[in-house]
Amino acid sequence: MKLILTDFEKQKEALYKEVCADFTACKAEHPTATDSRIIRTIAAKHDMTEMGIRRILTAKGIYQRKR
């Protein structure tokens, strides 16, 4: 079954994919950098909060809290 997405949902999904790709690329390029530093960099790039980026990565299963 194919989902019908609105324009906003398509933009949101594209942003989520870009954020996930940025995180995995930065993690591969800078393996010694902390996750919080990478998240801070991505947040500045996309003009978002760090918590917003962290929520996206957690929802997609890419990032898990240390606790």
N, C-alpha and C. Protein backbone atom coordinates (compact mmCIF):
# COMPACT_ATOMS: atom_id res chain seq x y z
N MET A 1 0.84 -1.17 0.00
CA MET A 1 0.00 0.00 0.00
C MET A 1 0.88 1.24 0.00
N LYS A 2 0.63 2.13 -0.88
CA LYS A 2 1.42 3.35 -1.00
C LYS A 2 0.76 4.47 -0.20
N LEU A 3 1.55 5.13 0.62
CA LEU A 3 1.02 6.21 1.43
C LEU A 3 0.94 7.50 0.62
N ILE A 4 -0.09 8.25 0.88
CA ILE A 4 -0.24 9.55 0.24
C ILE A 4 0.22 10.60 1.25
N LEU A 5 1.26 11.32 0.91
CA LEU A 5 1.82 12.32 1.81
C LEU A 5 1.51 13.72 1.32
N THR A 6 1.29 14.61 2.28
CA THR A 6 1.11 16.01 1.93
C THR A 6 2.47 16.62 1.63
N ASP A 7 2.48 17.82 1.10
CA ASP A 7 3.75 18.49 0.80
C ASP A 7 4.58 18.69 2.07
N PHE A 8 3.92 19.07 3.16
CA PHE A 8 4.62 19.27 4.43
C PHE A 8 5.27 17.98 4.91
N GLU A 9 4.55 16.87 4.80
CA GLU A 9 5.08 15.58 5.23
C GLU A 9 6.27 15.16 4.36
N LYS A 10 6.21 15.46 3.08
CA LYS A 10 7.33 15.16 2.19
C LYS A 10 8.56 15.98 2.56
N GLN A 11 8.38 17.27 2.87
CA GLN A 11 9.49 18.12 3.28
C GLN A 11 10.08 17.64 4.59
N LYS A 12 9.21 17.26 5.52
CA LYS A 12 9.65 16.78 6.83
C LYS A 12 10.46 15.48 6.68
N GLU A 13 9.99 14.58 5.85
CA GLU A 13 10.70 13.31 5.64
C GLU A 13 12.05 13.54 4.96
N ALA A 14 12.10 14.48 4.03
CA ALA A 14 13.37 14.81 3.37
C ALA A 14 14.35 15.40 4.38
N LEU A 15 13.86 16.25 5.28
CA LEU A 15 14.72 16.82 6.32
C LEU A 15 15.23 15.73 7.24
N TYR A 16 14.37 14.80 7.63
CA TYR A 16 14.78 13.70 8.51
C TYR A 16 15.87 12.86 7.85
N LYS A 17 15.70 12.57 6.57
CA LYS A 17 16.70 11.77 5.85
C LYS A 17 18.03 12.51 5.78
N GLU A 18 17.98 13.82 5.54
CA GLU A 18 19.20 14.62 5.45
C GLU A 18 19.90 14.69 6.80
N VAL A 19 19.15 14.85 7.88
CA VAL A 19 19.74 14.89 9.22
C VAL A 19 20.41 13.55 9.54
N CYS A 20 19.75 12.46 9.24
CA CYS A 20 20.32 11.13 9.48
C CYS A 20 21.58 10.90 8.65
N ALA A 21 21.55 11.32 7.41
CA ALA A 21 22.72 11.17 6.54
C ALA A 21 23.88 12.03 7.05
N ASP A 22 23.58 13.26 7.49
CA ASP A 22 24.62 14.13 8.04
C ASP A 22 25.26 13.52 9.27
N PHE A 23 24.44 12.94 10.15
CA PHE A 23 24.96 12.35 11.37
C PHE A 23 25.86 11.16 11.07
N THR A 24 25.41 10.26 10.21
CA THR A 24 26.22 9.09 9.91
C THR A 24 27.51 9.47 9.18
N ALA A 25 27.44 10.48 8.31
CA ALA A 25 28.64 10.92 7.60
C ALA A 25 29.64 11.57 8.56
N CYS A 26 29.16 12.41 9.46
CA CYS A 26 30.04 13.06 10.43
C CYS A 26 30.64 12.03 11.38
N LYS A 27 29.84 11.06 11.78
CA LYS A 27 30.33 10.02 12.69
C LYS A 27 31.43 9.20 12.02
N ALA A 28 31.28 8.93 10.72
CA ALA A 28 32.30 8.16 10.00
C ALA A 28 33.56 9.00 9.76
N GLU A 29 33.36 10.28 9.49
CA GLU A 29 34.49 11.17 9.19
C GLU A 29 35.27 11.55 10.45
N HIS A 30 34.57 11.69 11.57
CA HIS A 30 35.19 12.08 12.84
C HIS A 30 34.81 11.08 13.92
N PRO A 31 35.43 9.91 13.94
CA PRO A 31 35.01 8.87 14.89
C PRO A 31 35.29 9.22 16.36
N THR A 32 36.21 10.13 16.62
CA THR A 32 36.52 10.47 18.01
C THR A 32 35.63 11.59 18.55
N ALA A 33 34.87 12.24 17.71
CA ALA A 33 33.99 13.33 18.15
C ALA A 33 32.81 12.76 18.93
N THR A 34 32.41 13.50 19.95
CA THR A 34 31.27 13.04 20.75
C THR A 34 29.97 13.25 19.97
N ASP A 35 28.97 12.45 20.34
CA ASP A 35 27.67 12.57 19.67
C ASP A 35 27.07 13.96 19.88
N SER A 36 27.24 14.52 21.07
CA SER A 36 26.65 15.83 21.34
C SER A 36 27.28 16.92 20.48
N ARG A 37 28.55 16.82 20.22
CA ARG A 37 29.22 17.81 19.37
C ARG A 37 28.73 17.69 17.92
N ILE A 38 28.56 16.47 17.45
CA ILE A 38 28.05 16.25 16.09
C ILE A 38 26.61 16.77 15.99
N ILE A 39 25.81 16.47 17.00
CA ILE A 39 24.42 16.93 17.01
C ILE A 39 24.36 18.45 17.03
N ARG A 40 25.23 19.08 17.81
CA ARG A 40 25.28 20.55 17.87
C ARG A 40 25.61 21.14 16.51
N THR A 41 26.53 20.54 15.79
CA THR A 41 26.93 21.00 14.46
C THR A 41 25.78 20.86 13.46
N ILE A 42 25.11 19.73 13.50
CA ILE A 42 23.99 19.50 12.59
C ILE A 42 22.84 20.46 12.91
N ALA A 43 22.60 20.72 14.19
CA ALA A 43 21.54 21.65 14.59
C ALA A 43 21.82 23.05 14.06
N ALA A 44 23.06 23.47 14.13
CA ALA A 44 23.42 24.80 13.60
C ALA A 44 23.25 24.85 12.09
N LYS A 45 23.61 23.77 11.42
CA LYS A 45 23.50 23.72 9.96
C LYS A 45 22.05 23.83 9.50
N HIS A 46 21.14 23.15 10.20
CA HIS A 46 19.74 23.11 9.80
C HIS A 46 18.88 24.14 10.53
N ASP A 47 19.51 24.99 11.34
CA ASP A 47 18.80 26.02 12.10
C ASP A 47 17.70 25.40 12.96
N MET A 48 18.09 24.38 13.72
CA MET A 48 17.18 23.67 14.61
C MET A 48 17.82 23.60 15.99
N THR A 49 17.06 23.11 16.96
CA THR A 49 17.61 22.92 18.29
C THR A 49 18.30 21.56 18.36
N GLU A 50 19.19 21.43 19.34
CA GLU A 50 19.86 20.15 19.53
C GLU A 50 18.86 19.06 19.92
N MET A 51 17.88 19.43 20.71
CA MET A 51 16.87 18.45 21.13
C MET A 51 16.04 17.99 19.93
N GLY A 52 15.77 18.88 18.99
CA GLY A 52 15.04 18.49 17.79
C GLY A 52 15.81 17.48 16.96
N ILE A 53 17.11 17.72 16.80
CA ILE A 53 17.96 16.78 16.06
C ILE A 53 18.04 15.45 16.80
N ARG A 54 18.21 15.52 18.11
CA ARG A 54 18.31 14.30 18.92
C ARG A 54 17.01 13.50 18.82
N ARG A 55 15.86 14.18 18.81
CA ARG A 55 14.57 13.49 18.69
C ARG A 55 14.44 12.78 17.36
N ILE A 56 14.88 13.44 16.29
CA ILE A 56 14.83 12.83 14.96
C ILE A 56 15.70 11.58 14.92
N LEU A 57 16.92 11.69 15.42
CA LEU A 57 17.85 10.55 15.39
C LEU A 57 17.37 9.40 16.27
N THR A 58 16.77 9.73 17.40
CA THR A 58 16.24 8.68 18.28
C THR A 58 15.05 7.99 17.64
N ALA A 59 14.17 8.76 17.01
CA ALA A 59 13.00 8.18 16.35
C ALA A 59 13.39 7.26 15.20
N LYS A 60 14.46 7.60 14.51
CA LYS A 60 14.92 6.78 13.38
C LYS A 60 15.82 5.62 13.83
N GLY A 61 16.15 5.55 15.13
CA GLY A 61 16.95 4.45 15.66
C GLY A 61 18.44 4.60 15.43
N ILE A 62 18.91 5.80 15.15
CA ILE A 62 20.33 6.02 14.88
C ILE A 62 21.08 6.38 16.15
N TYR A 63 20.40 7.05 17.07
CA TYR A 63 21.03 7.54 18.28
C TYR A 63 20.28 7.02 19.48
N GLN A 64 21.03 6.61 20.52
CA GLN A 64 20.42 6.18 21.78
C GLN A 64 21.09 6.93 22.91
N ARG A 65 20.29 7.26 23.90
CA ARG A 65 20.84 7.96 25.05
C ARG A 65 21.80 7.04 25.79
N LYS A 66 22.75 7.63 26.49
CA LYS A 66 23.76 6.85 27.21
C LYS A 66 23.21 6.22 28.49
N ARG A 67 22.11 6.72 29.00
CA ARG A 67 21.58 6.22 30.27
C ARG A 67 21.00 4.86 30.15
